[in-house]
């Protein structure tokens, strides 16, 4: 099979649901990106994740992004490996069923505003009362304990508050957001990590009494920029934008360079030996770059030399020469480059999944790779309410008459 063209195939068969988290039960009252991505990380590794959506419109994420023949593409990935149920939480009977889902679950994920959570009894106090063993992941713009607990929050605001956007861009240009839902996505990832930390304690602490994970959208990126607070605290310095270089602990060689073929190539060398590899490639004298101080002092000369050297050559020639000289470099990949790259294929990082609307579609594999018990992409994002019968009848035990009545009244 040509993985560069098709990707590793994953058939949408429920029996193939597998992974490290088989048996873990998750319900998410969470829409769009951050909360659902946390659920996706768990679902990719085999957890049963129930995605609760309002009847009719469903999660707003269903309509986001590009479409093919009128079919939105993004949700096919964002909703994969999950069960979709419809539930009108504005109705008392809808909230009653929501509480049954909370009682069923090991993990509850919420992204509603604090006031709405209290009104619908999906806040920590209510969840803990309904299910004392549950782990609650609550994601909000500013955190549940802040004075802005009820304020709306979006990922881009979280990015701006984290300090990351201030650091991104060139010194003479404006701050720049990254080209995807960076703040939301990293929050989802940290949320999944936090859930697993709580579940580890649950498995080993006989006195476990549930856990409330309270995560603000700015906090994960804020945590990842490890040096910004201590630098400001100890030196009174506010690190700023440095383009493709680094504001703190700069490498002697780090930038992107345009090749003669019009491709951007990134080059990074930070150690004495690796910088000397660049020096020799450019034909510069070793003795002028023998120490770290000399290399840092000569950064501009190295940067300009690399710019001219790369511009005078084609991309493939540059990359071969860098590899021969043991200089770490790569073409800056587009989505098309990723789809055709042999390393992605060798890693099995792209799989092909059968979708009922689109046929075979390619998407990211379940990552990271577990070699003993790997995760699996067993379905694309489900149709709205596709799993109502499975979840409400088989898992919660609601009778056929009750389900018919709830559906007639628009509760499900």
Protein backbone atom coordinates (compact mmCIF):
# COMPACT_ATOMS: atom_id res chain seq x y z
CA UNK A 1 0.00 0.00 0.00
CA UNK A 2 1.22 3.52 -0.82
CA UNK A 3 0.90 5.28 2.54
CA UNK A 4 1.97 8.55 0.99
CA UNK A 5 -1.19 8.48 -1.05
CA UNK A 6 -3.74 6.72 1.11
CA UNK A 7 -2.51 6.66 4.70
CA UNK A 8 -2.96 3.70 7.02
CA UNK A 9 -6.55 2.53 6.77
CA UNK A 10 -8.90 2.50 9.76
CA UNK A 11 -12.38 1.08 9.16
CA UNK A 12 -15.28 2.64 11.08
CA UNK A 13 -16.26 -0.51 12.96
CA UNK A 14 -17.25 -0.17 16.62
CA UNK A 15 -15.52 -3.43 17.54
CA UNK A 16 -12.21 -1.78 16.64
CA UNK A 17 -12.56 0.81 19.40
CA UNK A 18 -9.46 0.22 21.50
CA UNK A 19 -6.72 1.86 23.50
CA UNK A 20 -5.33 2.53 26.95
CA UNK A 21 -8.60 3.99 28.26
CA UNK A 22 -11.12 1.28 27.36
CA UNK A 23 -13.85 1.30 29.97
CA UNK A 24 -13.44 4.97 30.94
CA UNK A 25 -16.80 6.78 30.77
CA UNK A 26 -16.83 10.49 29.87
CA UNK A 27 -19.67 12.94 29.29
CA UNK A 28 -18.96 16.39 27.88
CA UNK A 29 -21.28 19.37 28.09
CA UNK A 30 -18.77 21.28 26.02
CA UNK A 31 -18.80 22.75 22.53
CA UNK A 32 -16.42 24.09 19.86
CA UNK A 33 -12.72 23.36 20.63
CA UNK A 34 -11.16 23.34 24.12
CA UNK A 35 -13.44 20.99 26.07
CA UNK A 36 -14.20 18.72 23.11
CA UNK A 37 -10.50 18.39 22.31
CA UNK A 38 -9.86 17.18 25.85
CA UNK A 39 -12.56 14.59 25.24
CA UNK A 40 -11.03 13.72 21.87
CA UNK A 41 -7.69 12.93 23.48
CA UNK A 42 -9.47 10.48 25.77
CA UNK A 43 -11.70 9.06 23.01
CA UNK A 44 -8.71 8.39 20.75
CA UNK A 45 -7.37 6.07 23.42
CA UNK A 46 -10.58 4.10 23.80
CA UNK A 47 -12.70 6.01 26.32
CA UNK A 48 -16.48 6.09 25.77
CA UNK A 49 -17.10 9.82 25.32
CA UNK A 50 -20.68 11.09 25.11
CA UNK A 51 -20.89 14.49 23.41
CA UNK A 52 -24.09 16.26 24.50
CA UNK A 53 -25.59 18.66 21.94
CA UNK A 54 -28.81 20.70 21.70
CA UNK A 55 -31.47 19.23 19.42
CA UNK A 56 -31.72 20.82 16.00
CA UNK A 57 -28.53 22.84 15.64
CA UNK A 58 -26.07 20.75 17.63
CA UNK A 59 -22.56 21.88 18.50
CA UNK A 60 -21.58 25.07 16.67
CA UNK A 61 -18.38 23.28 15.66
CA UNK A 62 -20.44 21.19 13.23
CA UNK A 63 -20.71 24.19 10.92
CA UNK A 64 -17.18 25.53 11.30
CA UNK A 65 -14.50 25.49 8.65
CA UNK A 66 -14.46 24.46 4.99
CA UNK A 67 -16.99 22.14 3.38
CA UNK A 68 -17.02 19.64 0.52
CA UNK A 69 -20.31 19.31 -1.34
CA UNK A 70 -21.98 21.05 1.58
CA UNK A 71 -20.51 18.68 4.19
CA UNK A 72 -18.40 20.43 6.87
CA UNK A 73 -14.98 18.81 7.25
CA UNK A 74 -13.62 19.99 10.60
CA UNK A 75 -16.17 18.17 12.78
CA UNK A 76 -15.36 14.89 11.03
CA UNK A 77 -12.09 15.05 13.00
CA UNK A 78 -13.19 17.06 16.04
CA UNK A 79 -16.09 14.72 16.79
CA UNK A 80 -14.38 11.45 15.91
CA UNK A 81 -14.53 8.42 18.19
CA UNK A 82 -17.38 10.00 20.21
CA UNK A 83 -21.06 9.28 20.78
CA UNK A 84 -23.44 12.12 19.90
CA UNK A 85 -26.65 12.57 21.86
CA UNK A 86 -29.14 15.43 21.71
CA UNK A 87 -30.46 16.95 24.91
CA UNK A 88 -32.28 20.21 25.63
CA UNK A 89 -30.76 21.45 28.88
CA UNK A 90 -33.22 24.34 29.02
CA UNK A 91 -35.92 21.79 29.89
CA UNK A 92 -36.18 20.34 33.43
CA UNK A 93 -36.43 16.83 32.02
CA UNK A 94 -33.34 17.49 29.93
CA UNK A 95 -31.42 18.47 33.04
CA UNK A 96 -32.71 15.37 34.80
CA UNK A 97 -31.21 13.21 32.07
CA UNK A 98 -28.01 15.26 32.21
CA UNK A 99 -27.73 14.38 35.88
CA UNK A 100 -28.16 10.70 35.00
CA UNK A 101 -25.27 11.06 32.57
CA UNK A 102 -23.20 12.63 35.35
CA UNK A 103 -24.03 9.69 37.62
CA UNK A 104 -23.00 7.26 34.85
CA UNK A 105 -19.69 8.97 34.03
CA UNK A 106 -16.22 8.76 35.48
CA UNK A 107 -15.31 12.15 33.97
CA UNK A 108 -17.49 15.21 33.30
CA UNK A 109 -16.25 18.00 30.99
CA UNK A 110 -17.99 21.39 31.02
CA UNK A 111 -17.35 24.71 29.30
CA UNK A 112 -20.56 26.58 30.17
CA UNK A 113 -20.39 29.84 32.11
CA UNK A 114 -20.30 29.51 35.89
CA UNK A 115 -23.77 30.95 36.40
CA UNK A 116 -25.32 28.61 33.86
CA UNK A 117 -23.55 25.63 35.45
CA UNK A 118 -25.03 26.55 38.83
CA UNK A 119 -28.51 27.06 37.38
CA UNK A 120 -28.41 23.70 35.60
CA UNK A 121 -26.71 21.91 38.50
CA UNK A 122 -23.65 21.00 36.51
CA UNK A 123 -21.20 22.92 38.72
CA UNK A 124 -18.74 21.21 41.07
CA UNK A 125 -21.05 21.15 44.08
CA UNK A 126 -23.86 19.52 42.10
CA UNK A 127 -21.65 17.09 40.18
CA UNK A 128 -19.96 16.02 43.41
CA UNK A 129 -23.32 15.50 45.09
CA UNK A 130 -24.65 13.42 42.18
CA UNK A 131 -21.45 11.40 41.72
CA UNK A 132 -18.91 11.74 44.55
CA UNK A 133 -16.29 9.81 42.57
CA UNK A 134 -16.51 11.92 39.40
CA UNK A 135 -13.66 14.00 38.03
CA UNK A 136 -14.97 17.36 36.78
CA UNK A 137 -12.94 19.25 34.17
CA UNK A 138 -14.25 22.82 34.02
CA UNK A 139 -12.78 25.05 31.30
CA UNK A 140 -13.59 28.76 31.21
CA UNK A 141 -12.11 32.01 29.99
CA UNK A 142 -10.86 33.28 33.33
CA UNK A 143 -11.24 30.43 35.81
CA UNK A 144 -14.06 29.63 38.22
CA UNK A 145 -12.42 31.42 41.16
CA UNK A 146 -11.73 34.76 39.46
CA UNK A 147 -13.83 37.92 39.52
CA UNK A 148 -14.57 37.26 35.82
CA UNK A 149 -15.85 33.72 36.31
CA UNK A 150 -19.05 34.53 34.43
CA UNK A 151 -17.38 36.41 31.57
CA UNK A 152 -17.30 34.72 28.15
CA UNK A 153 -13.93 33.38 27.05
CA UNK A 154 -12.41 32.49 23.71
CA UNK A 155 -9.10 30.87 22.84
CA UNK A 156 -7.64 33.95 21.16
CA UNK A 157 -8.23 35.96 24.33
CA UNK A 158 -6.49 33.21 26.27
CA UNK A 159 -3.55 33.36 23.86
CA UNK A 160 -3.34 37.14 24.27
CA UNK A 161 -3.43 36.93 28.07
CA UNK A 162 -0.83 34.12 28.22
CA UNK A 163 2.04 36.27 26.91
CA UNK A 164 2.52 34.10 23.82
CA UNK A 165 1.06 36.58 21.33
CA UNK A 166 3.29 39.37 22.64
CA UNK A 167 6.28 37.16 21.86
CA UNK A 168 5.14 36.14 18.37
CA UNK A 169 6.06 38.22 15.34
CA UNK A 170 8.91 40.50 14.32
CA UNK A 171 10.26 43.38 16.45
CA UNK A 172 9.02 46.03 14.02
CA UNK A 173 5.63 44.39 13.49
CA UNK A 174 2.42 43.71 15.40
CA UNK A 175 1.89 40.77 17.75
CA UNK A 176 0.70 37.72 15.82
CA UNK A 177 -1.68 34.88 16.70
CA UNK A 178 -0.77 31.45 15.36
CA UNK A 179 -2.82 30.16 12.43
CA UNK A 180 -5.01 27.69 14.36
CA UNK A 181 -6.97 27.52 17.63
CA UNK A 182 -3.75 27.49 19.63
CA UNK A 183 -5.09 28.50 23.04
CA UNK A 184 -8.11 26.24 22.84
CA UNK A 185 -6.11 23.27 21.60
CA UNK A 186 -3.39 23.48 24.25
CA UNK A 187 -6.07 23.90 26.92
CA UNK A 188 -7.74 20.72 25.69
CA UNK A 189 -4.45 18.88 25.83
CA UNK A 190 -3.65 20.08 29.35
CA UNK A 191 -7.21 19.29 30.39
CA UNK A 192 -6.80 15.67 29.26
CA UNK A 193 -3.49 15.45 31.12
CA UNK A 194 -5.15 16.81 34.28
CA UNK A 195 -7.99 14.30 34.01
CA UNK A 196 -5.52 11.42 33.81
CA UNK A 197 -3.61 12.77 36.82
CA UNK A 198 -6.84 12.78 38.84
CA UNK A 199 -7.75 9.29 37.64
CA UNK A 200 -4.32 8.04 38.73
CA UNK A 201 -5.03 9.31 42.25
CA UNK A 202 -8.50 7.77 42.14
CA UNK A 203 -6.94 4.40 41.32
CA UNK A 204 -4.45 4.56 44.21
CA UNK A 205 -6.11 6.61 46.97
CA UNK A 206 -8.86 4.77 48.92
CA UNK A 207 -10.06 8.11 50.29
CA UNK A 208 -10.55 9.65 46.84
CA UNK A 209 -13.50 12.04 46.99
CA UNK A 210 -13.79 13.24 43.43
CA UNK A 211 -11.78 16.05 41.87
CA UNK A 212 -12.52 19.47 40.42
CA UNK A 213 -10.10 20.62 37.72
CA UNK A 214 -10.56 24.36 37.20
CA UNK A 215 -8.72 25.48 34.04
CA UNK A 216 -8.70 28.98 32.51
CA UNK A 217 -8.00 29.34 28.79
CA UNK A 218 -4.88 31.46 29.31
CA UNK A 219 -3.21 29.18 31.86
CA UNK A 220 -1.83 26.31 29.72
CA UNK A 221 0.14 28.54 27.32
CA UNK A 222 1.16 30.75 30.25
CA UNK A 223 2.64 27.66 31.94
CA UNK A 224 4.51 26.56 28.81
CA UNK A 225 6.48 29.82 28.44
CA UNK A 226 8.58 28.83 31.43
CA UNK A 227 10.99 31.75 31.53
CA UNK A 228 8.79 34.81 31.13
CA UNK A 229 7.72 35.32 34.76
CA UNK A 230 11.10 34.63 36.40
CA UNK A 231 12.87 36.83 33.85
CA UNK A 232 10.56 39.73 34.59
CA UNK A 233 10.67 39.06 38.33
CA UNK A 234 14.46 38.86 38.67
CA UNK A 235 15.69 41.13 35.89
CA UNK A 236 12.81 43.53 35.36
CA UNK A 237 12.89 42.59 31.66
CA UNK A 238 9.84 42.21 29.44
CA UNK A 239 10.87 39.81 26.64
CA UNK A 240 9.60 40.93 23.25
CA UNK A 241 9.19 39.76 19.68
CA UNK A 242 12.25 38.34 17.96
CA UNK A 243 10.86 37.04 14.69
CA UNK A 244 11.97 33.45 14.13
CA UNK A 245 14.65 33.74 16.77
CA UNK A 246 14.20 33.36 20.52
CA UNK A 247 13.65 36.16 23.01
CA UNK A 248 15.46 34.23 25.77
CA UNK A 249 18.44 31.84 25.53
CA UNK A 250 18.97 32.64 21.84
CA UNK A 251 20.74 30.16 19.62
CA UNK A 252 23.61 31.47 17.52
CA UNK A 253 21.83 30.19 14.41
CA UNK A 254 18.04 30.12 14.26
CA UNK A 255 15.92 31.50 11.45
CA UNK A 256 14.06 30.68 8.26
CA UNK A 257 15.65 31.23 4.86
CA UNK A 258 14.15 31.40 1.37
CA UNK A 259 15.68 28.99 -1.11
CA UNK A 260 16.26 29.61 -4.81
CA UNK A 261 13.18 27.44 -5.44
CA UNK A 262 10.99 29.70 -3.31
CA UNK A 263 10.72 27.32 -0.34
CA UNK A 264 11.29 28.38 3.23
CA UNK A 265 13.90 26.35 5.14
CA UNK A 266 14.33 26.53 8.91
CA UNK A 267 17.82 26.09 10.37
CA UNK A 268 18.69 25.78 14.06
CA UNK A 269 22.15 25.41 15.63
CA UNK A 270 22.71 26.22 19.28
CA UNK A 271 25.64 24.13 20.55
CA UNK A 272 29.30 24.94 19.89
CA UNK A 273 29.71 21.94 17.61
CA UNK A 274 26.53 22.48 15.62
CA UNK A 275 27.31 26.15 15.00
CA UNK A 276 30.79 25.22 13.81
CA UNK A 277 29.12 22.91 11.29
CA UNK A 278 27.37 25.98 9.86
CA UNK A 279 30.60 27.98 9.95
CA UNK A 280 32.41 25.33 7.92
CA UNK A 281 29.52 24.97 5.48
CA UNK A 282 29.73 28.70 4.77
CA UNK A 283 33.53 28.59 4.45
CA UNK A 284 34.16 30.90 7.41
CA UNK A 285 37.25 30.55 9.66
CA UNK A 286 36.77 28.24 12.65
CA UNK A 287 38.96 30.35 14.91
CA UNK A 288 36.53 33.27 14.72
CA UNK A 289 33.71 31.08 16.12
CA UNK A 290 35.62 28.86 18.56
CA UNK A 291 33.75 29.95 21.71
CA UNK A 292 30.10 30.51 22.60
CA UNK A 293 30.79 34.22 23.09
CA UNK A 294 32.34 34.47 19.61
CA UNK A 295 29.44 32.61 18.06
CA UNK A 296 26.83 34.83 19.69
CA UNK A 297 28.77 37.92 18.70
CA UNK A 298 28.86 36.67 15.11
CA UNK A 299 25.16 35.83 14.86
CA UNK A 300 24.33 38.53 12.33
CA UNK A 301 27.18 37.49 10.02
CA UNK A 302 26.11 33.85 10.22
CA UNK A 303 22.48 34.77 9.62
CA UNK A 304 23.26 36.88 6.55
CA UNK A 305 25.69 34.28 5.25
CA UNK A 306 23.06 31.57 5.50
CA UNK A 307 20.48 33.80 3.85
CA UNK A 308 22.71 34.32 0.83
CA UNK A 309 23.88 30.69 0.72
CA UNK A 310 20.33 29.25 0.78
CA UNK A 311 19.01 31.81 -1.72
CA UNK A 312 21.69 30.77 -4.24
CA UNK A 313 20.65 27.10 -4.18
CA UNK A 314 17.63 24.91 -4.78
CA UNK A 315 15.75 23.38 -1.86
CA UNK A 316 16.92 19.81 -2.38
CA UNK A 317 20.54 20.87 -2.79
CA UNK A 318 20.34 22.88 0.45
CA UNK A 319 18.80 20.04 2.43
CA UNK A 320 21.36 17.51 1.14
CA UNK A 321 24.23 19.83 2.02
CA UNK A 322 22.79 20.51 5.48
CA UNK A 323 22.39 16.76 6.11
CA UNK A 324 25.96 16.06 4.96
CA UNK A 325 27.27 18.81 7.24
CA UNK A 326 25.12 17.62 10.18
CA UNK A 327 23.25 20.92 10.28
CA UNK A 328 19.69 20.52 11.56
CA UNK A 329 17.30 21.93 8.95
CA UNK A 330 13.94 21.31 7.36
CA UNK A 331 11.70 22.74 4.71
CA UNK A 332 8.75 24.51 6.34
CA UNK A 333 5.95 22.04 5.64
CA UNK A 334 2.56 22.78 4.14
CA UNK A 335 -0.39 20.41 4.47
CA UNK A 336 0.52 19.03 1.03
CA UNK A 337 4.08 18.36 2.21
CA UNK A 338 2.75 16.51 5.26
CA UNK A 339 0.46 14.37 3.12
CA UNK A 340 3.36 13.32 0.85
CA UNK A 341 6.11 13.03 3.47
CA UNK A 342 7.64 9.53 3.89
CA UNK A 343 8.37 10.01 7.60
CA UNK A 344 4.71 10.77 8.36
CA UNK A 345 3.85 7.62 6.37
CA UNK A 346 6.47 5.50 8.15
CA UNK A 347 5.12 6.67 11.50
CA UNK A 348 1.52 5.93 10.52
CA UNK A 349 0.59 9.47 11.55
CA UNK A 350 -2.10 9.82 8.89
CA UNK A 351 -4.92 7.28 8.64
CA UNK A 352 -7.73 6.84 6.16
CA UNK A 353 -11.18 6.46 7.71
CA UNK A 354 -14.44 5.61 5.96
CA UNK A 355 -17.05 8.35 6.44
CA UNK A 356 -20.74 7.87 5.57
CA UNK A 357 -20.99 11.29 3.91
CA UNK A 358 -17.59 11.72 2.26
CA UNK A 359 -16.28 8.20 1.72
CA UNK A 360 -12.59 7.66 2.58
CA UNK A 361 -11.09 10.65 4.38
CA UNK A 362 -7.59 11.19 5.73
CA UNK A 363 -6.84 12.62 9.16
CA UNK A 364 -4.35 12.46 12.01
CA UNK A 365 -3.91 9.07 13.66
CA UNK A 366 -4.58 8.51 17.35
CA UNK A 367 -1.50 10.11 18.91
CA UNK A 368 0.78 9.51 20.70
CA UNK A 369 1.64 6.01 19.52
CA UNK A 370 1.28 3.23 22.08
CA UNK A 371 2.98 0.07 20.84
CA UNK A 372 1.42 -2.45 23.21
CA UNK A 373 -2.20 -1.22 23.22
CA UNK A 374 -2.58 1.51 20.59
CA UNK A 375 -5.49 3.86 20.22
CA UNK A 376 -7.71 3.71 17.16
CA UNK A 377 -9.72 6.05 14.95
CA UNK A 378 -12.82 3.90 14.59
CA UNK A 379 -15.32 6.52 13.40
CA UNK A 380 -15.45 10.05 12.07
CA UNK A 381 -17.58 12.70 13.79
CA UNK A 382 -21.06 11.18 14.19
CA UNK A 383 -24.31 12.59 12.92
CA UNK A 384 -26.23 14.76 15.39
CA UNK A 385 -27.98 12.50 17.89
CA UNK A 386 -26.74 9.35 16.17
CA UNK A 387 -26.18 7.59 19.49
CA UNK A 388 -29.36 8.59 21.36
CA UNK A 389 -30.67 5.03 21.44
CA UNK A 390 -27.38 3.48 22.52
CA UNK A 391 -26.68 5.97 25.31
CA UNK A 392 -30.20 6.62 26.62
CA UNK A 393 -31.67 3.14 26.21
CA UNK A 394 -28.72 0.78 26.58
CA UNK A 395 -26.42 2.74 28.88
CA UNK A 396 -28.87 4.75 31.01
CA UNK A 397 -31.75 2.28 30.86
CA UNK A 398 -34.53 4.64 29.70
CA UNK A 399 -37.57 2.81 28.37
CA UNK A 400 -38.87 3.02 24.82
CA UNK A 401 -42.03 4.86 25.87
CA UNK A 402 -40.09 7.43 27.88
CA UNK A 403 -37.67 8.01 24.99
CA UNK A 404 -40.54 8.47 22.55
CA UNK A 405 -42.19 11.00 24.87
CA UNK A 406 -38.94 12.92 25.39
CA UNK A 407 -38.35 13.06 21.66
CA UNK A 408 -41.93 14.20 20.99
CA UNK A 409 -41.52 17.07 23.48
CA UNK A 410 -38.14 18.12 22.04
CA UNK A 411 -36.17 17.19 25.15
CA UNK A 412 -33.93 14.88 23.12
